[in-house]
Amino acid sequence: MIARIAVILACQLAGEVVARSFGLPVPGPVLGMAVMLGVL
């Protein structure tokens, strides 16, 4: 269960990094959830 929560947080972190790096108007956690959806 802890590993699954860690995966969710890692996807949110990745989305936040992408959003801030490229200056996107989309919030980082939204991008992270899109990444997680793509992984699924």
PDB file of N, CA and C in Angstrom:
ATOM      1  N   MET A   1       0.816  -1.182   0.000  1.00  0.00           N
ATOM      2  CA  MET A   1       0.000   0.000   0.000  1.00  0.00           C
ATOM      3  C   MET A   1       0.869   1.257   0.000  1.00  0.00           C
ATOM      4  N   ILE A   2       1.948   1.236   0.754  1.00  0.00           N
ATOM      5  CA  ILE A   2       2.856   2.370   0.799  1.00  0.00           C
ATOM      6  C   ILE A   2       3.490   2.590  -0.571  1.00  0.00           C
ATOM      7  N   ALA A   3       3.814   1.510  -1.257  1.00  0.00           N
ATOM      8  CA  ALA A   3       4.418   1.630  -2.586  1.00  0.00           C
ATOM      9  C   ALA A   3       3.457   2.282  -3.570  1.00  0.00           C
ATOM     10  N   ARG A   4       2.188   1.982  -3.475  1.00  0.00           N
ATOM     11  CA  ARG A   4       1.198   2.574  -4.383  1.00  0.00           C
ATOM     12  C   ARG A   4       1.049   4.069  -4.127  1.00  0.00           C
ATOM     13  N   ILE A   5       1.064   4.454  -2.861  1.00  0.00           N
ATOM     14  CA  ILE A   5       0.990   5.877  -2.530  1.00  0.00           C
ATOM     15  C   ILE A   5       2.249   6.582  -3.020  1.00  0.00           C
ATOM     16  N   ALA A   6       3.386   5.923  -2.909  1.00  0.00           N
ATOM     17  CA  ALA A   6       4.638   6.504  -3.385  1.00  0.00           C
ATOM     18  C   ALA A   6       4.611   6.705  -4.904  1.00  0.00           C
ATOM     19  N   VAL A   7       3.996   5.781  -5.625  1.00  0.00           N
ATOM     20  CA  VAL A   7       3.880   5.921  -7.080  1.00  0.00           C
ATOM     21  C   VAL A   7       3.003   7.121  -7.428  1.00  0.00           C
ATOM     22  N   ILE A   8       1.900   7.295  -6.718  1.00  0.00           N
ATOM     23  CA  ILE A   8       1.015   8.437  -6.955  1.00  0.00           C
ATOM     24  C   ILE A   8       1.754   9.739  -6.687  1.00  0.00           C
ATOM     25  N   LEU A   9       2.478   9.815  -5.586  1.00  0.00           N
ATOM     26  CA  LEU A   9       3.222  11.031  -5.258  1.00  0.00           C
ATOM     27  C   LEU A   9       4.352  11.279  -6.251  1.00  0.00           C
ATOM     28  N   ALA A  10       4.989  10.231  -6.729  1.00  0.00           N
ATOM     29  CA  ALA A  10       6.047  10.389  -7.718  1.00  0.00           C
ATOM     30  C   ALA A  10       5.489  10.931  -9.033  1.00  0.00           C
ATOM     31  N   CYS A  11       4.306  10.470  -9.425  1.00  0.00           N
ATOM     32  CA  CYS A  11       3.676  10.987 -10.644  1.00  0.00           C
ATOM     33  C   CYS A  11       3.300  12.456 -10.468  1.00  0.00           C
ATOM     34  N   GLN A  12       2.808  12.817  -9.306  1.00  0.00           N
ATOM     35  CA  GLN A  12       2.482  14.220  -9.058  1.00  0.00           C
ATOM     36  C   GLN A  12       3.742  15.076  -9.082  1.00  0.00           C
ATOM     37  N   LEU A  13       4.816  14.571  -8.515  1.00  0.00           N
ATOM     38  CA  LEU A  13       6.082  15.300  -8.522  1.00  0.00           C
ATOM     39  C   LEU A  13       6.591  15.469  -9.952  1.00  0.00           C
ATOM     40  N   ALA A  14       6.504  14.431 -10.755  1.00  0.00           N
ATOM     41  CA  ALA A  14       6.947  14.521 -12.146  1.00  0.00           C
ATOM     42  C   ALA A  14       6.120  15.555 -12.904  1.00  0.00           C
ATOM     43  N   GLY A  15       4.826  15.579 -12.668  1.00  0.00           N
ATOM     44  CA  GLY A  15       3.974  16.579 -13.309  1.00  0.00           C
ATOM     45  C   GLY A  15       4.332  17.985 -12.872  1.00  0.00           C
ATOM     46  N   GLU A  16       4.644  18.153 -11.603  1.00  0.00           N
ATOM     47  CA  GLU A  16       5.026  19.468 -11.084  1.00  0.00           C
ATOM     48  C   GLU A  16       6.342  19.931 -11.710  1.00  0.00           C
ATOM     49  N   VAL A  17       7.283  19.028 -11.847  1.00  0.00           N
ATOM     50  CA  VAL A  17       8.563  19.368 -12.459  1.00  0.00           C
ATOM     51  C   VAL A  17       8.365  19.781 -13.915  1.00  0.00           C
ATOM     52  N   VAL A  18       7.548  19.047 -14.643  1.00  0.00           N
ATOM     53  CA  VAL A  18       7.303  19.378 -16.051  1.00  0.00           C
ATOM     54  C   VAL A  18       6.584  20.716 -16.171  1.00  0.00           C
ATOM     55  N   ALA A  19       5.581  20.940 -15.340  1.00  0.00           N
ATOM     56  CA  ALA A  19       4.815  22.187 -15.402  1.00  0.00           C
ATOM     57  C   ALA A  19       5.699  23.392 -15.104  1.00  0.00           C
ATOM     58  N   ARG A  20       6.557  23.273 -14.120  1.00  0.00           N
ATOM     59  CA  ARG A  20       7.429  24.403 -13.767  1.00  0.00           C
ATOM     60  C   ARG A  20       8.567  24.578 -14.766  1.00  0.00           C
ATOM     61  N   SER A  21       9.059  23.489 -15.321  1.00  0.00           N
ATOM     62  CA  SER A  21      10.168  23.570 -16.271  1.00  0.00           C
ATOM     63  C   SER A  21       9.752  24.257 -17.570  1.00  0.00           C
ATOM     64  N   PHE A  22       8.566  23.921 -18.060  1.00  0.00           N
ATOM     65  CA  PHE A  22       8.113  24.460 -19.336  1.00  0.00           C
ATOM     66  C   PHE A  22       7.182  25.651 -19.183  1.00  0.00           C
ATOM     67  N   GLY A  23       6.863  26.040 -17.958  1.00  0.00           N
ATOM     68  CA  GLY A  23       5.988  27.187 -17.732  1.00  0.00           C
ATOM     69  C   GLY A  23       4.570  26.957 -18.225  1.00  0.00           C
ATOM     70  N   LEU A  24       4.086  25.758 -18.079  1.00  0.00           N
ATOM     71  CA  LEU A  24       2.746  25.422 -18.557  1.00  0.00           C
ATOM     72  C   LEU A  24       1.680  25.989 -17.626  1.00  0.00           C
ATOM     73  N   PRO A  25       0.527  26.375 -18.181  1.00  0.00           N
ATOM     74  CA  PRO A  25      -0.540  26.924 -17.336  1.00  0.00           C
ATOM     75  C   PRO A  25      -1.341  25.856 -16.591  1.00  0.00           C
ATOM     76  N   VAL A  26      -1.026  24.589 -16.816  1.00  0.00           N
ATOM     77  CA  VAL A  26      -1.736  23.479 -16.181  1.00  0.00           C
ATOM     78  C   VAL A  26      -1.041  23.152 -14.862  1.00  0.00           C
ATOM     79  N   PRO A  27      -1.797  22.918 -13.781  1.00  0.00           N
ATOM     80  CA  PRO A  27      -1.170  22.570 -12.499  1.00  0.00           C
ATOM     81  C   PRO A  27      -0.389  21.253 -12.584  1.00  0.00           C
ATOM     82  N   GLY A  28       0.674  21.170 -11.824  1.00  0.00           N
ATOM     83  CA  GLY A  28       1.524  19.990 -11.836  1.00  0.00           C
ATOM     84  C   GLY A  28       0.828  18.691 -11.472  1.00  0.00           C
ATOM     85  N   PRO A  29      -0.002  18.666 -10.411  1.00  0.00           N
ATOM     86  CA  PRO A  29      -0.673  17.417 -10.080  1.00  0.00           C
ATOM     87  C   PRO A  29      -1.613  16.913 -11.176  1.00  0.00           C
ATOM     88  N   VAL A  30      -2.179  17.833 -11.946  1.00  0.00           N
ATOM     89  CA  VAL A  30      -3.040  17.418 -13.060  1.00  0.00           C
ATOM     90  C   VAL A  30      -2.201  16.717 -14.129  1.00  0.00           C
ATOM     91  N   LEU A  31      -1.044  17.277 -14.423  1.00  0.00           N
ATOM     92  CA  LEU A  31      -0.144  16.620 -15.372  1.00  0.00           C
ATOM     93  C   LEU A  31       0.338  15.279 -14.835  1.00  0.00           C
ATOM     94  N   GLY A  32       0.594  15.227 -13.543  1.00  0.00           N
ATOM     95  CA  GLY A  32       1.022  13.971 -12.932  1.00  0.00           C
ATOM     96  C   GLY A  32      -0.028  12.886 -13.034  1.00  0.00           C
ATOM     97  N   MET A  33      -1.262  13.254 -12.857  1.00  0.00           N
ATOM     98  CA  MET A  33      -2.340  12.269 -12.979  1.00  0.00           C
ATOM     99  C   MET A  33      -2.495  11.832 -14.439  1.00  0.00           C
ATOM    100  N   ALA A  34      -2.233  12.747 -15.387  1.00  0.00           N
ATOM    101  CA  ALA A  34      -2.240  12.364 -16.802  1.00  0.00           C
ATOM    102  C   ALA A  34      -1.123  11.382 -17.099  1.00  0.00           C
ATOM    103  N   VAL A  35       0.036  11.602 -16.478  1.00  0.00           N
ATOM    104  CA  VAL A  35       1.160  10.668 -16.636  1.00  0.00           C
ATOM    105  C   VAL A  35       0.778   9.298 -16.076  1.00  0.00           C
ATOM    106  N   MET A  36       0.163   9.304 -14.914  1.00  0.00           N
ATOM    107  CA  MET A  36      -0.232   8.032 -14.304  1.00  0.00           C
ATOM    108  C   MET A  36      -1.278   7.320 -15.162  1.00  0.00           C
ATOM    109  N   LEU A  37      -2.190   8.069 -15.741  1.00  0.00           N
ATOM    110  CA  LEU A  37      -3.192   7.469 -16.625  1.00  0.00           C
ATOM    111  C   LEU A  37      -2.521   6.845 -17.827  1.00  0.00           C
ATOM    112  N   GLY A  38      -1.500   7.536 -18.358  1.00  0.00           N
ATOM    113  CA  GLY A  38      -0.761   6.980 -19.484  1.00  0.00           C
ATOM    114  C   GLY A  38      -0.023   5.706 -19.118  1.00  0.00           C
ATOM    115  N   VAL A  39       0.504   5.645 -17.910  1.00  0.00           N
ATOM    116  CA  VAL A  39       1.206   4.443 -17.451  1.00  0.00           C
ATOM    117  C   VAL A  39       0.229   3.268 -17.296  1.00  0.00           C
ATOM    118  N   LEU A  40      -0.962   3.562 -16.844  1.00  0.00           N
ATOM    119  CA  LEU A  40      -1.948   2.490 -16.683  1.00  0.00           C
ATOM    120  C   LEU A  40      -2.370   1.942 -18.011  1.00  0.00           C
TER     121      LEU A  40
END
